[in-house]
Protein backbone atom coordinates (compact mmCIF):
# COMPACT_ATOMS: atom_id res chain seq x y z
CA UNK A 1 49.16 107.19 143.06
CA UNK A 2 51.93 104.77 144.00
CA UNK A 3 52.52 103.34 147.44
CA UNK A 4 55.40 101.55 149.19
CA UNK A 5 55.25 97.87 149.92
CA UNK A 6 52.45 96.78 152.21
CA UNK A 7 51.81 93.65 154.24
CA UNK A 8 48.65 91.80 155.29
CA UNK A 9 48.95 89.54 158.32
CA UNK A 10 45.98 87.18 158.69
CA UNK A 11 44.57 86.37 162.12
CA UNK A 12 42.58 83.18 162.88
CA UNK A 13 38.89 84.08 163.26
CA UNK A 14 36.08 82.21 164.97
CA UNK A 15 33.02 82.61 162.73
CA UNK A 16 32.03 81.50 159.25
CA UNK A 17 32.34 84.26 156.65
CA UNK A 18 34.75 86.21 158.85
CA UNK A 19 38.14 87.63 157.95
CA UNK A 20 40.56 89.32 160.34
CA UNK A 21 43.88 90.86 159.38
CA UNK A 22 46.36 93.58 160.26
CA UNK A 23 47.44 95.71 157.33
CA UNK A 24 50.69 97.65 157.51
CA UNK A 25 51.58 100.46 155.11
CA UNK A 26 55.02 101.92 155.64
CA UNK A 27 56.43 102.00 159.18
CA UNK A 28 53.70 103.84 161.07
CA UNK A 29 50.31 103.19 159.45
CA UNK A 30 48.39 100.13 160.69
CA UNK A 31 44.79 99.11 160.00
CA UNK A 32 42.75 96.32 161.59
CA UNK A 33 40.44 94.82 158.96
CA UNK A 34 37.28 92.93 159.80
CA UNK A 35 35.14 91.45 157.01
CA UNK A 36 32.03 89.34 157.37
CA UNK A 37 29.59 87.78 154.92
CA UNK A 38 26.07 89.18 154.79
CA UNK A 39 23.08 89.38 152.44
CA UNK A 40 21.45 92.42 150.88
CA UNK A 41 18.23 91.97 148.91
CA UNK A 42 18.80 88.21 149.09
CA UNK A 43 22.24 88.37 147.47
CA UNK A 44 25.58 87.68 149.11
CA UNK A 45 27.89 90.60 149.73
CA UNK A 46 30.11 91.67 152.64
CA UNK A 47 30.37 94.32 155.29
CA UNK A 48 33.74 95.70 156.22
CA UNK A 49 35.31 97.72 159.02
CA UNK A 50 38.86 99.08 158.81
CA UNK A 51 39.78 101.27 161.80
CA UNK A 52 43.29 102.63 161.98
CA UNK A 53 45.14 101.37 165.06
CA UNK A 54 48.32 102.30 166.88
CA UNK A 55 51.52 100.46 165.96
CA UNK A 56 51.77 99.06 169.49
CA UNK A 57 48.24 97.64 169.28
CA UNK A 58 49.04 96.07 165.90
CA UNK A 59 52.16 94.39 167.25
CA UNK A 60 50.32 93.15 170.36
CA UNK A 61 47.54 91.61 168.21
CA UNK A 62 50.05 89.86 165.96
CA UNK A 63 52.15 88.71 168.93
CA UNK A 64 49.13 87.30 170.78
CA UNK A 65 47.83 85.48 167.69
CA UNK A 66 51.30 84.12 166.92
CA UNK A 67 51.64 82.76 170.46
CA UNK A 68 48.19 81.14 170.24
CA UNK A 69 49.01 79.60 166.86
CA UNK A 70 52.50 78.55 167.90
CA UNK A 71 53.83 79.46 164.44
CA UNK A 72 54.25 82.47 162.21
CA UNK A 73 51.00 83.95 160.91
CA UNK A 74 50.26 83.83 157.15
CA UNK A 75 51.50 87.15 155.76
CA UNK A 76 51.21 88.55 152.25
CA UNK A 77 53.52 91.25 150.91
CA UNK A 78 52.71 93.37 147.89
CA UNK A 79 53.47 96.62 146.10
CA UNK A 80 50.41 98.61 145.05
CA UNK A 81 49.58 101.46 142.67
CA UNK A 82 46.18 103.04 143.27
CA UNK A 83 44.14 105.18 140.86
CA UNK A 84 40.72 106.82 141.33
CA UNK A 85 38.04 107.43 138.71
CA UNK A 86 34.42 108.60 138.82
CA UNK A 87 32.20 106.18 136.88
CA UNK A 88 28.38 106.24 136.71
CA UNK A 89 28.25 108.42 139.80
CA UNK A 90 30.55 106.16 141.87
CA UNK A 91 34.12 106.74 143.00
CA UNK A 92 36.01 103.70 141.76
CA UNK A 93 39.46 102.62 142.87
CA UNK A 94 41.53 100.86 140.20
CA UNK A 95 44.46 99.10 141.83
CA UNK A 96 47.50 97.41 140.32
CA UNK A 97 49.21 94.95 142.66
CA UNK A 98 52.56 93.18 142.39
CA UNK A 99 52.45 90.06 144.59
CA UNK A 100 55.53 87.87 143.92
CA UNK A 101 54.57 85.28 146.57
CA UNK A 102 51.66 84.07 144.45
CA UNK A 103 53.52 83.70 141.15
CA UNK A 104 54.21 79.98 141.46
CA UNK A 105 50.55 78.89 141.47
CA UNK A 106 48.70 81.96 140.21
CA UNK A 107 50.24 85.23 139.01
CA UNK A 108 52.39 88.04 140.39
CA UNK A 109 50.32 90.86 138.85
CA UNK A 110 46.70 91.66 139.68
CA UNK A 111 44.23 94.40 138.84
CA UNK A 112 41.44 95.20 141.27
CA UNK A 113 38.43 97.44 140.73
CA UNK A 114 36.68 98.47 143.94
CA UNK A 115 33.63 100.62 144.69
CA UNK A 116 32.52 101.15 148.28
CA UNK A 117 28.89 102.13 148.84
CA UNK A 118 27.01 103.02 152.03
CA UNK A 119 23.52 102.65 150.55
CA UNK A 120 22.42 99.00 150.25
CA UNK A 121 20.12 99.97 147.40
CA UNK A 122 23.10 100.92 145.25
CA UNK A 123 25.09 97.68 145.61
CA UNK A 124 23.86 96.11 142.37
CA UNK A 125 24.49 99.30 140.39
CA UNK A 126 28.01 99.45 141.85
CA UNK A 127 28.70 95.84 140.84
CA UNK A 128 27.54 96.64 137.31
CA UNK A 129 29.89 99.65 137.23
CA UNK A 130 32.81 97.48 138.37
CA UNK A 131 32.27 95.10 135.45
CA UNK A 132 31.91 98.01 133.02
CA UNK A 133 35.23 99.50 134.18
CA UNK A 134 36.99 96.15 133.83
CA UNK A 135 35.54 95.71 130.35
CA UNK A 136 36.75 99.18 129.35
CA UNK A 137 40.26 98.55 130.73
CA UNK A 138 40.75 95.14 129.11
CA UNK A 139 38.64 95.83 126.01
CA UNK A 140 36.91 92.48 126.58
CA UNK A 141 34.76 90.74 129.19
CA UNK A 142 36.53 89.14 132.13
CA UNK A 143 34.75 86.36 133.97
CA UNK A 144 34.86 86.78 137.78
CA UNK A 145 36.31 83.93 139.84
CA UNK A 146 35.86 83.68 143.61
CA UNK A 147 39.37 83.31 144.94
CA UNK A 148 40.79 85.98 147.25
CA UNK A 149 44.37 86.94 148.07
CA UNK A 150 43.99 85.11 151.35
CA UNK A 151 42.88 81.87 149.71
CA UNK A 152 45.64 82.11 147.09
CA UNK A 153 48.18 82.72 149.85
CA UNK A 154 46.90 79.73 151.82
CA UNK A 155 47.09 77.49 148.74
CA UNK A 156 50.62 78.72 148.01
CA UNK A 157 51.76 78.12 151.59
CA UNK A 158 50.24 74.63 151.59
CA UNK A 159 52.02 73.83 148.32
CA UNK A 160 55.33 74.88 149.95
CA UNK A 161 54.40 72.95 153.13
CA UNK A 162 54.65 76.21 155.05
CA UNK A 163 51.04 76.57 156.18
CA UNK A 164 50.53 76.74 160.00
CA UNK A 165 49.65 73.25 161.23
CA UNK A 166 47.34 74.44 164.04
CA UNK A 167 45.35 76.98 161.98
CA UNK A 168 42.31 74.74 161.49
CA UNK A 169 42.37 73.49 165.07
CA UNK A 170 42.07 77.08 166.27
CA UNK A 171 39.40 78.02 163.75
CA UNK A 172 37.48 74.78 164.23
CA UNK A 173 37.82 73.65 160.61
CA UNK A 174 39.20 70.40 159.27
CA UNK A 175 42.82 70.53 158.21
CA UNK A 176 42.04 69.00 154.82
CA UNK A 177 39.86 71.93 153.73
CA UNK A 178 40.65 75.51 152.85
CA UNK A 179 39.19 78.09 155.20
CA UNK A 180 35.68 78.83 153.81
CA UNK A 181 35.42 82.14 155.61
CA UNK A 182 37.31 83.83 152.82
CA UNK A 183 35.06 86.66 151.62
CA UNK A 184 37.10 88.27 148.85
CA UNK A 185 36.57 87.71 145.15
CA UNK A 186 38.98 87.55 142.26
CA UNK A 187 38.21 87.63 138.58
CA UNK A 188 40.54 86.25 135.94
CA UNK A 189 40.74 86.50 132.23
CA UNK A 190 39.18 83.57 130.35
CA UNK A 191 42.60 83.23 128.79
CA UNK A 192 45.27 81.57 130.91
CA UNK A 193 47.46 84.63 131.00
CA UNK A 194 49.42 86.34 133.72
CA UNK A 195 46.97 89.19 134.28
CA UNK A 196 44.20 88.75 136.79
CA UNK A 197 41.34 91.04 137.71
CA UNK A 198 39.86 91.31 141.18
CA UNK A 199 36.41 92.86 141.48
CA UNK A 200 34.71 94.25 144.54
CA UNK A 201 31.54 96.13 145.24
CA UNK A 202 30.14 96.35 148.71
């Protein structure tokens, strides 16, 4: 299933392992995303909440955060194609993203495999299924690399000297370091090609 262009506007958070953003799809669909790091069976994973919000609420959140920051918020634009497949008893989402803003330092095309589970006991099985799907799609193993869209966007903005100067003052982190609260994960091919593979299982 194809979708129109979407945007992710990142909001400064206040806790380690926390991610806040407003996602816009089309003109009338807005989602407030909250992600936070957690541990299940002693292994790191993440919990996520994505309630749909009214357009007015989305604009008020972005406006308030922009005023606090004193600059434009980091925003990522992309075009996405989403496919669903049942694999090993899980519903997997296979996503193809076109993200031109990241091309200079990384790539403009990404593939993401995502499985969302509600039972903590199934997290490890879901992660195994994600890797199996990626292996089947690429016909080879792809080594995961922990670098999310947010971190790649931040690196790209810093390289263009367009990163908000007050971001780390608001979040309480040193300006010289990337925000460690990034909780996403990206996998890339061991070859230095233009295709990248993002994996998720939570």
